[in-house]
């Protein structure tokens, strides 16, 4: 299991990045938890409702990550 964990790291030798390249990549990382204030879970929610809300949160996070990780093109005409 430890070997798989090591292989999942971007700094693993199989990816072939130099230390300078790794330092450059770190500038693009944003380490944070995803928060959506529109979804709430209360004590009166059933386990199934909580799982459904968590699934919605996961899908919203995927959509935002997809939008943020793709280039946004801009052009103008004169």
PDB file of N, CA and C in Angstrom:
ATOM      1  N   UNK A   1       0.816  -1.189   0.000  1.00  0.00           N
ATOM      2  CA  UNK A   1       0.000   0.000   0.000  1.00  0.00           C
ATOM      3  C   UNK A   1       0.864   1.259   0.000  1.00  0.00           C
ATOM      4  N   UNK A   2       1.967   1.219   0.734  1.00  0.00           N
ATOM      5  CA  UNK A   2       2.865   2.365   0.791  1.00  0.00           C
ATOM      6  C   UNK A   2       3.429   2.673  -0.584  1.00  0.00           C
ATOM      7  N   UNK A   3       3.721   1.633  -1.356  1.00  0.00           N
ATOM      8  CA  UNK A   3       4.269   1.830  -2.691  1.00  0.00           C
ATOM      9  C   UNK A   3       3.272   2.560  -3.591  1.00  0.00           C
ATOM     10  N   UNK A   4       1.998   2.202  -3.508  1.00  0.00           N
ATOM     11  CA  UNK A   4       0.972   2.883  -4.295  1.00  0.00           C
ATOM     12  C   UNK A   4       0.836   4.342  -3.885  1.00  0.00           C
ATOM     13  N   UNK A   5       0.932   4.591  -2.601  1.00  0.00           N
ATOM     14  CA  UNK A   5       0.855   5.962  -2.109  1.00  0.00           C
ATOM     15  C   UNK A   5       2.016   6.787  -2.648  1.00  0.00           C
ATOM     16  N   UNK A   6       3.196   6.209  -2.641  1.00  0.00           N
ATOM     17  CA  UNK A   6       4.371   6.909  -3.172  1.00  0.00           C
ATOM     18  C   UNK A   6       4.225   7.166  -4.668  1.00  0.00           C
ATOM     19  N   UNK A   7       3.689   6.198  -5.406  1.00  0.00           N
ATOM     20  CA  UNK A   7       3.523   6.356  -6.844  1.00  0.00           C
ATOM     21  C   UNK A   7       2.473   7.408  -7.197  1.00  0.00           C
ATOM     22  N   UNK A   8       1.565   7.687  -6.293  1.00  0.00           N
ATOM     23  CA  UNK A   8       0.527   8.671  -6.577  1.00  0.00           C
ATOM     24  C   UNK A   8       1.030  10.108  -6.422  1.00  0.00           C
ATOM     25  N   UNK A   9       2.195  10.265  -5.821  1.00  0.00           N
ATOM     26  CA  UNK A   9       2.758  11.599  -5.645  1.00  0.00           C
ATOM     27  C   UNK A   9       3.323  12.117  -6.965  1.00  0.00           C
ATOM     28  N   UNK A  10       3.078  13.385  -7.260  1.00  0.00           N
ATOM     29  CA  UNK A  10       3.558  13.995  -8.507  1.00  0.00           C
ATOM     30  C   UNK A  10       5.082  14.025  -8.561  1.00  0.00           C
ATOM     31  N   UNK A  11       5.724  13.975  -7.406  1.00  0.00           N
ATOM     32  CA  UNK A  11       7.181  14.027  -7.365  1.00  0.00           C
ATOM     33  C   UNK A  11       7.826  12.658  -7.611  1.00  0.00           C
ATOM     34  N   UNK A  12       7.015  11.623  -7.788  1.00  0.00           N
ATOM     35  CA  UNK A  12       7.561  10.281  -8.030  1.00  0.00           C
ATOM     36  C   UNK A  12       8.366  10.291  -9.333  1.00  0.00           C
ATOM     37  N   UNK A  13       9.432   9.532  -9.359  1.00  0.00           N
ATOM     38  CA  UNK A  13      10.352   9.523 -10.506  1.00  0.00           C
ATOM     39  C   UNK A  13       9.693   9.070 -11.810  1.00  0.00           C
ATOM     40  N   UNK A  14       8.604   8.322 -11.743  1.00  0.00           N
ATOM     41  CA  UNK A  14       7.953   7.844 -12.968  1.00  0.00           C
ATOM     42  C   UNK A  14       7.374   8.980 -13.808  1.00  0.00           C
ATOM     43  N   UNK A  15       7.109  10.128 -13.195  1.00  0.00           N
ATOM     44  CA  UNK A  15       6.556  11.260 -13.929  1.00  0.00           C
ATOM     45  C   UNK A  15       7.632  12.117 -14.581  1.00  0.00           C
ATOM     46  N   UNK A  16       8.858  12.017 -14.108  1.00  0.00           N
ATOM     47  CA  UNK A  16       9.987  12.658 -14.763  1.00  0.00           C
ATOM     48  C   UNK A  16      10.080  14.172 -14.588  1.00  0.00           C
ATOM     49  N   UNK A  17       9.459  14.738 -13.567  1.00  0.00           N
ATOM     50  CA  UNK A  17       9.556  16.181 -13.343  1.00  0.00           C
ATOM     51  C   UNK A  17      10.841  16.521 -12.603  1.00  0.00           C
ATOM     52  N   UNK A  18      11.463  17.622 -13.006  1.00  0.00           N
ATOM     53  CA  UNK A  18      12.615  18.121 -12.269  1.00  0.00           C
ATOM     54  C   UNK A  18      12.115  18.902 -11.058  1.00  0.00           C
ATOM     55  N   UNK A  19      13.008  19.231 -10.146  1.00  0.00           N
ATOM     56  CA  UNK A  19      12.605  19.986  -8.962  1.00  0.00           C
ATOM     57  C   UNK A  19      12.099  21.373  -9.358  1.00  0.00           C
ATOM     58  N   UNK A  20      12.723  21.990 -10.354  1.00  0.00           N
ATOM     59  CA  UNK A  20      12.262  23.303 -10.823  1.00  0.00           C
ATOM     60  C   UNK A  20      10.849  23.213 -11.384  1.00  0.00           C
ATOM     61  N   UNK A  21      10.559  22.150 -12.130  1.00  0.00           N
ATOM     62  CA  UNK A  21       9.215  21.963 -12.679  1.00  0.00           C
ATOM     63  C   UNK A  21       8.190  21.720 -11.572  1.00  0.00           C
ATOM     64  N   UNK A  22       8.588  20.951 -10.559  1.00  0.00           N
ATOM     65  CA  UNK A  22       7.694  20.715  -9.429  1.00  0.00           C
ATOM     66  C   UNK A  22       7.396  22.010  -8.688  1.00  0.00           C
ATOM     67  N   UNK A  23       8.408  22.851  -8.515  1.00  0.00           N
ATOM     68  CA  UNK A  23       8.203  24.146  -7.860  1.00  0.00           C
ATOM     69  C   UNK A  23       7.248  25.019  -8.667  1.00  0.00           C
ATOM     70  N   UNK A  24       7.367  24.974  -9.976  1.00  0.00           N
ATOM     71  CA  UNK A  24       6.479  25.736 -10.844  1.00  0.00           C
ATOM     72  C   UNK A  24       5.036  25.218 -10.742  1.00  0.00           C
ATOM     73  N   UNK A  25       4.869  23.903 -10.712  1.00  0.00           N
ATOM     74  CA  UNK A  25       3.538  23.322 -10.597  1.00  0.00           C
ATOM     75  C   UNK A  25       2.858  23.671  -9.277  1.00  0.00           C
ATOM     76  N   UNK A  26       3.636  23.758  -8.207  1.00  0.00           N
ATOM     77  CA  UNK A  26       3.073  24.076  -6.896  1.00  0.00           C
ATOM     78  C   UNK A  26       2.396  25.435  -6.877  1.00  0.00           C
ATOM     79  N   UNK A  27       2.810  26.332  -7.758  1.00  0.00           N
ATOM     80  CA  UNK A  27       2.194  27.656  -7.823  1.00  0.00           C
ATOM     81  C   UNK A  27       0.741  27.572  -8.290  1.00  0.00           C
ATOM     82  N   UNK A  28       0.378  26.485  -8.944  1.00  0.00           N
ATOM     83  CA  UNK A  28      -0.980  26.323  -9.472  1.00  0.00           C
ATOM     84  C   UNK A  28      -1.898  25.526  -8.553  1.00  0.00           C
ATOM     85  N   UNK A  29      -1.367  24.958  -7.492  1.00  0.00           N
ATOM     86  CA  UNK A  29      -2.180  24.178  -6.562  1.00  0.00           C
ATOM     87  C   UNK A  29      -2.986  25.094  -5.661  1.00  0.00           C
ATOM     88  N   UNK A  30      -4.229  24.723  -5.444  1.00  0.00           N
ATOM     89  CA  UNK A  30      -5.073  25.412  -4.471  1.00  0.00           C
ATOM     90  C   UNK A  30      -5.600  24.321  -3.538  1.00  0.00           C
ATOM     91  N   UNK A  31      -5.045  24.253  -2.345  1.00  0.00           N
ATOM     92  CA  UNK A  31      -5.451  23.244  -1.378  1.00  0.00           C
ATOM     93  C   UNK A  31      -6.514  23.830  -0.473  1.00  0.00           C
ATOM     94  N   UNK A  32      -7.723  23.364  -0.651  1.00  0.00           N
ATOM     95  CA  UNK A  32      -8.826  23.850   0.158  1.00  0.00           C
ATOM     96  C   UNK A  32      -9.958  22.840   0.127  1.00  0.00           C
ATOM     97  N   UNK A  33     -10.871  22.965   1.036  1.00  0.00           N
ATOM     98  CA  UNK A  33     -12.072  22.151   1.021  1.00  0.00           C
ATOM     99  C   UNK A  33     -13.126  22.859   0.203  1.00  0.00           C
ATOM    100  N   UNK A  34     -13.924  22.089  -0.512  1.00  0.00           N
ATOM    101  CA  UNK A  34     -15.005  22.674  -1.294  1.00  0.00           C
ATOM    102  C   UNK A  34     -16.176  22.953  -0.365  1.00  0.00           C
ATOM    103  N   UNK A  35     -16.734  24.155  -0.461  1.00  0.00           N
ATOM    104  CA  UNK A  35     -17.864  24.553   0.369  1.00  0.00           C
ATOM    105  C   UNK A  35     -18.957  25.101  -0.537  1.00  0.00           C
ATOM    106  N   UNK A  36     -20.172  24.664  -0.291  1.00  0.00           N
ATOM    107  CA  UNK A  36     -21.325  25.193  -1.001  1.00  0.00           C
ATOM    108  C   UNK A  36     -22.359  25.555   0.052  1.00  0.00           C
ATOM    109  N   UNK A  37     -22.569  26.845   0.247  1.00  0.00           N
ATOM    110  CA  UNK A  37     -23.475  27.333   1.287  1.00  0.00           C
ATOM    111  C   UNK A  37     -24.941  27.019   0.986  1.00  0.00           C
ATOM    112  N   UNK A  38     -25.245  26.590  -0.231  1.00  0.00           N
ATOM    113  CA  UNK A  38     -26.633  26.320  -0.605  1.00  0.00           C
ATOM    114  C   UNK A  38     -27.119  24.942  -0.165  1.00  0.00           C
ATOM    115  N   UNK A  39     -26.226  24.086   0.249  1.00  0.00           N
ATOM    116  CA  UNK A  39     -26.597  22.750   0.695  1.00  0.00           C
ATOM    117  C   UNK A  39     -26.389  22.644   2.195  1.00  0.00           C
ATOM    118  N   UNK A  40     -27.421  22.178   2.872  1.00  0.00           N
ATOM    119  CA  UNK A  40     -27.309  22.026   4.325  1.00  0.00           C
ATOM    120  C   UNK A  40     -27.790  20.637   4.730  1.00  0.00           C
ATOM    121  N   UNK A  41     -27.289  20.183   5.847  1.00  0.00           N
ATOM    122  CA  UNK A  41     -27.707  18.920   6.448  1.00  0.00           C
ATOM    123  C   UNK A  41     -28.078  19.230   7.894  1.00  0.00           C
ATOM    124  N   UNK A  42     -29.227  18.730   8.309  1.00  0.00           N
ATOM    125  CA  UNK A  42     -29.684  18.969   9.678  1.00  0.00           C
ATOM    126  C   UNK A  42     -29.858  17.641  10.406  1.00  0.00           C
ATOM    127  N   UNK A  43     -30.150  17.730  11.685  1.00  0.00           N
ATOM    128  CA  UNK A  43     -30.341  16.533  12.508  1.00  0.00           C
ATOM    129  C   UNK A  43     -31.591  15.754  12.115  1.00  0.00           C
ATOM    130  N   UNK A  44     -32.544  16.413  11.486  1.00  0.00           N
ATOM    131  CA  UNK A  44     -33.784  15.717  11.134  1.00  0.00           C
ATOM    132  C   UNK A  44     -33.702  15.014   9.780  1.00  0.00           C
ATOM    133  N   UNK A  45     -32.599  15.194   9.056  1.00  0.00           N
ATOM    134  CA  UNK A  45     -32.414  14.503   7.783  1.00  0.00           C
ATOM    135  C   UNK A  45     -32.153  13.015   8.034  1.00  0.00           C
ATOM    136  N   UNK A  46     -32.696  12.201   7.170  1.00  0.00           N
ATOM    137  CA  UNK A  46     -32.430  10.767   7.258  1.00  0.00           C
ATOM    138  C   UNK A  46     -31.050  10.476   6.668  1.00  0.00           C
ATOM    139  N   UNK A  47     -30.576   9.283   6.902  1.00  0.00           N
ATOM    140  CA  UNK A  47     -29.268   8.896   6.357  1.00  0.00           C
ATOM    141  C   UNK A  47     -29.276   8.974   4.840  1.00  0.00           C
ATOM    142  N   UNK A  48     -30.364   8.565   4.215  1.00  0.00           N
ATOM    143  CA  UNK A  48     -30.462   8.607   2.758  1.00  0.00           C
ATOM    144  C   UNK A  48     -30.444  10.043   2.250  1.00  0.00           C
ATOM    145  N   UNK A  49     -31.118  10.950   2.944  1.00  0.00           N
ATOM    146  CA  UNK A  49     -31.115  12.369   2.548  1.00  0.00           C
ATOM    147  C   UNK A  49     -29.718  12.970   2.675  1.00  0.00           C
ATOM    148  N   UNK A  50     -29.005  12.584   3.701  1.00  0.00           N
ATOM    149  CA  UNK A  50     -27.639  13.079   3.896  1.00  0.00           C
ATOM    150  C   UNK A  50     -26.739  12.585   2.774  1.00  0.00           C
ATOM    151  N   UNK A  51     -26.857  11.311   2.417  1.00  0.00           N
ATOM    152  CA  UNK A  51     -26.059  10.754   1.327  1.00  0.00           C
ATOM    153  C   UNK A  51     -26.403  11.453   0.021  1.00  0.00           C
ATOM    154  N   UNK A  52     -27.678  11.708  -0.229  1.00  0.00           N
ATOM    155  CA  UNK A  52     -28.087  12.409  -1.446  1.00  0.00           C
ATOM    156  C   UNK A  52     -27.507  13.819  -1.492  1.00  0.00           C
ATOM    157  N   UNK A  53     -27.502  14.517  -0.366  1.00  0.00           N
ATOM    158  CA  UNK A  53     -26.932  15.859  -0.296  1.00  0.00           C
ATOM    159  C   UNK A  53     -25.432  15.821  -0.534  1.00  0.00           C
ATOM    160  N   UNK A  54     -24.757  14.835   0.051  1.00  0.00           N
ATOM    161  CA  UNK A  54     -23.314  14.686  -0.175  1.00  0.00           C
ATOM    162  C   UNK A  54     -23.022  14.401  -1.643  1.00  0.00           C
ATOM    163  N   UNK A  55     -23.861  13.610  -2.284  1.00  0.00           N
ATOM    164  CA  UNK A  55     -23.677  13.309  -3.692  1.00  0.00           C
ATOM    165  C   UNK A  55     -23.857  14.575  -4.538  1.00  0.00           C
ATOM    166  N   UNK A  56     -24.833  15.404  -4.204  1.00  0.00           N
ATOM    167  CA  UNK A  56     -25.028  16.683  -4.905  1.00  0.00           C
ATOM    168  C   UNK A  56     -23.798  17.566  -4.730  1.00  0.00           C
ATOM    169  N   UNK A  57     -23.293  17.636  -3.514  1.00  0.00           N
ATOM    170  CA  UNK A  57     -22.113  18.441  -3.229  1.00  0.00           C
ATOM    171  C   UNK A  57     -20.928  17.963  -4.063  1.00  0.00           C
ATOM    172  N   UNK A  58     -20.753  16.666  -4.150  1.00  0.00           N
ATOM    173  CA  UNK A  58     -19.672  16.081  -4.942  1.00  0.00           C
ATOM    174  C   UNK A  58     -19.820  16.465  -6.412  1.00  0.00           C
ATOM    175  N   UNK A  59     -21.028  16.355  -6.946  1.00  0.00           N
ATOM    176  CA  UNK A  59     -21.249  16.687  -8.358  1.00  0.00           C
ATOM    177  C   UNK A  59     -21.028  18.177  -8.623  1.00  0.00           C
ATOM    178  N   UNK A  60     -21.472  19.050  -7.712  1.00  0.00           N
ATOM    179  CA  UNK A  60     -21.230  20.487  -7.869  1.00  0.00           C
ATOM    180  C   UNK A  60     -19.733  20.786  -7.853  1.00  0.00           C
ATOM    181  N   UNK A  61     -19.010  20.114  -6.969  1.00  0.00           N
ATOM    182  CA  UNK A  61     -17.559  20.315  -6.889  1.00  0.00           C
ATOM    183  C   UNK A  61     -16.885  19.863  -8.179  1.00  0.00           C
ATOM    184  N   UNK A  62     -17.332  18.749  -8.740  1.00  0.00           N
ATOM    185  CA  UNK A  62     -16.775  18.272 -10.004  1.00  0.00           C
ATOM    186  C   UNK A  62     -17.014  19.285 -11.121  1.00  0.00           C
ATOM    187  N   UNK A  63     -18.206  19.843 -11.172  1.00  0.00           N
ATOM    188  CA  UNK A  63     -18.533  20.822 -12.214  1.00  0.00           C
ATOM    189  C   UNK A  63     -17.661  22.068 -12.089  1.00  0.00           C
ATOM    190  N   UNK A  64     -17.475  22.539 -10.861  1.00  0.00           N
ATOM    191  CA  UNK A  64     -16.650  23.732 -10.664  1.00  0.00           C
ATOM    192  C   UNK A  64     -15.185  23.449 -10.971  1.00  0.00           C
ATOM    193  N   UNK A  65     -14.707  22.280 -10.587  1.00  0.00           N
ATOM    194  CA  UNK A  65     -13.326  21.910 -10.898  1.00  0.00           C
ATOM    195  C   UNK A  65     -13.133  21.805 -12.399  1.00  0.00           C
ATOM    196  N   UNK A  66     -14.092  21.228 -13.091  1.00  0.00           N
ATOM    197  CA  UNK A  66     -14.008  21.107 -14.545  1.00  0.00           C
ATOM    198  C   UNK A  66     -13.926  22.489 -15.188  1.00  0.00           C
ATOM    199  N   UNK A  67     -14.786  23.404 -14.750  1.00  0.00           N
ATOM    200  CA  UNK A  67     -14.787  24.752 -15.322  1.00  0.00           C
ATOM    201  C   UNK A  67     -13.491  25.495 -15.011  1.00  0.00           C
ATOM    202  N   UNK A  68     -12.970  25.317 -13.806  1.00  0.00           N
ATOM    203  CA  UNK A  68     -11.760  26.037 -13.403  1.00  0.00           C
ATOM    204  C   UNK A  68     -10.503  25.473 -14.050  1.00  0.00           C
ATOM    205  N   UNK A  69     -10.530  24.217 -14.447  1.00  0.00           N
ATOM    206  CA  UNK A  69      -9.316  23.594 -14.972  1.00  0.00           C
ATOM    207  C   UNK A  69      -9.226  23.628 -16.488  1.00  0.00           C
ATOM    208  N   UNK A  70     -10.189  24.200 -17.151  1.00  0.00           N
ATOM    209  CA  UNK A  70     -10.149  24.308 -18.604  1.00  0.00           C
ATOM    210  C   UNK A  70      -9.916  25.758 -19.005  1.00  0.00           C
ATOM    211  N   UNK A  71      -9.166  25.971 -20.059  1.00  0.00           N
ATOM    212  CA  UNK A  71      -8.872  27.344 -20.461  1.00  0.00           C
ATOM    213  C   UNK A  71     -10.138  28.088 -20.893  1.00  0.00           C
ATOM    214  N   UNK A  72     -10.147  29.343 -20.592  1.00  0.00           N
ATOM    215  CA  UNK A  72     -11.261  30.202 -20.973  1.00  0.00           C
ATOM    216  C   UNK A  72     -10.764  31.082 -22.111  1.00  0.00           C
ATOM    217  N   UNK A  73     -11.349  30.914 -23.245  1.00  0.00           N
ATOM    218  CA  UNK A  73     -10.913  31.657 -24.417  1.00  0.00           C
ATOM    219  C   UNK A  73     -11.663  32.980 -24.524  1.00  0.00           C
ATOM    220  N   UNK A  74     -10.965  33.986 -24.983  1.00  0.00           N
ATOM    221  CA  UNK A  74     -11.560  35.299 -25.145  1.00  0.00           C
ATOM    222  C   UNK A  74     -11.102  35.865 -26.470  1.00  0.00           C
ATOM    223  N   UNK A  75     -12.002  36.429 -27.200  1.00  0.00           N
ATOM    224  CA  UNK A  75     -11.624  37.073 -28.460  1.00  0.00           C
ATOM    225  C   UNK A  75     -12.510  38.289 -28.676  1.00  0.00           C
ATOM    226  N   UNK A  76     -12.025  39.143 -29.499  1.00  0.00           N
ATOM    227  CA  UNK A  76     -12.796  40.348 -29.819  1.00  0.00           C
ATOM    228  C   UNK A  76     -12.637  40.644 -31.307  1.00  0.00           C
ATOM    229  N   UNK A  77     -13.598  41.310 -31.825  1.00  0.00           N
ATOM    230  CA  UNK A  77     -13.554  41.716 -33.230  1.00  0.00           C
ATOM    231  C   UNK A  77     -13.656  43.235 -33.291  1.00  0.00           C
ATOM    232  N   UNK A  78     -13.134  43.776 -34.343  1.00  0.00           N
ATOM    233  CA  UNK A  78     -13.216  45.231 -34.465  1.00  0.00           C
ATOM    234  C   UNK A  78     -13.831  45.622 -35.782  1.00  0.00           C
TER     235      UNK A  78
END
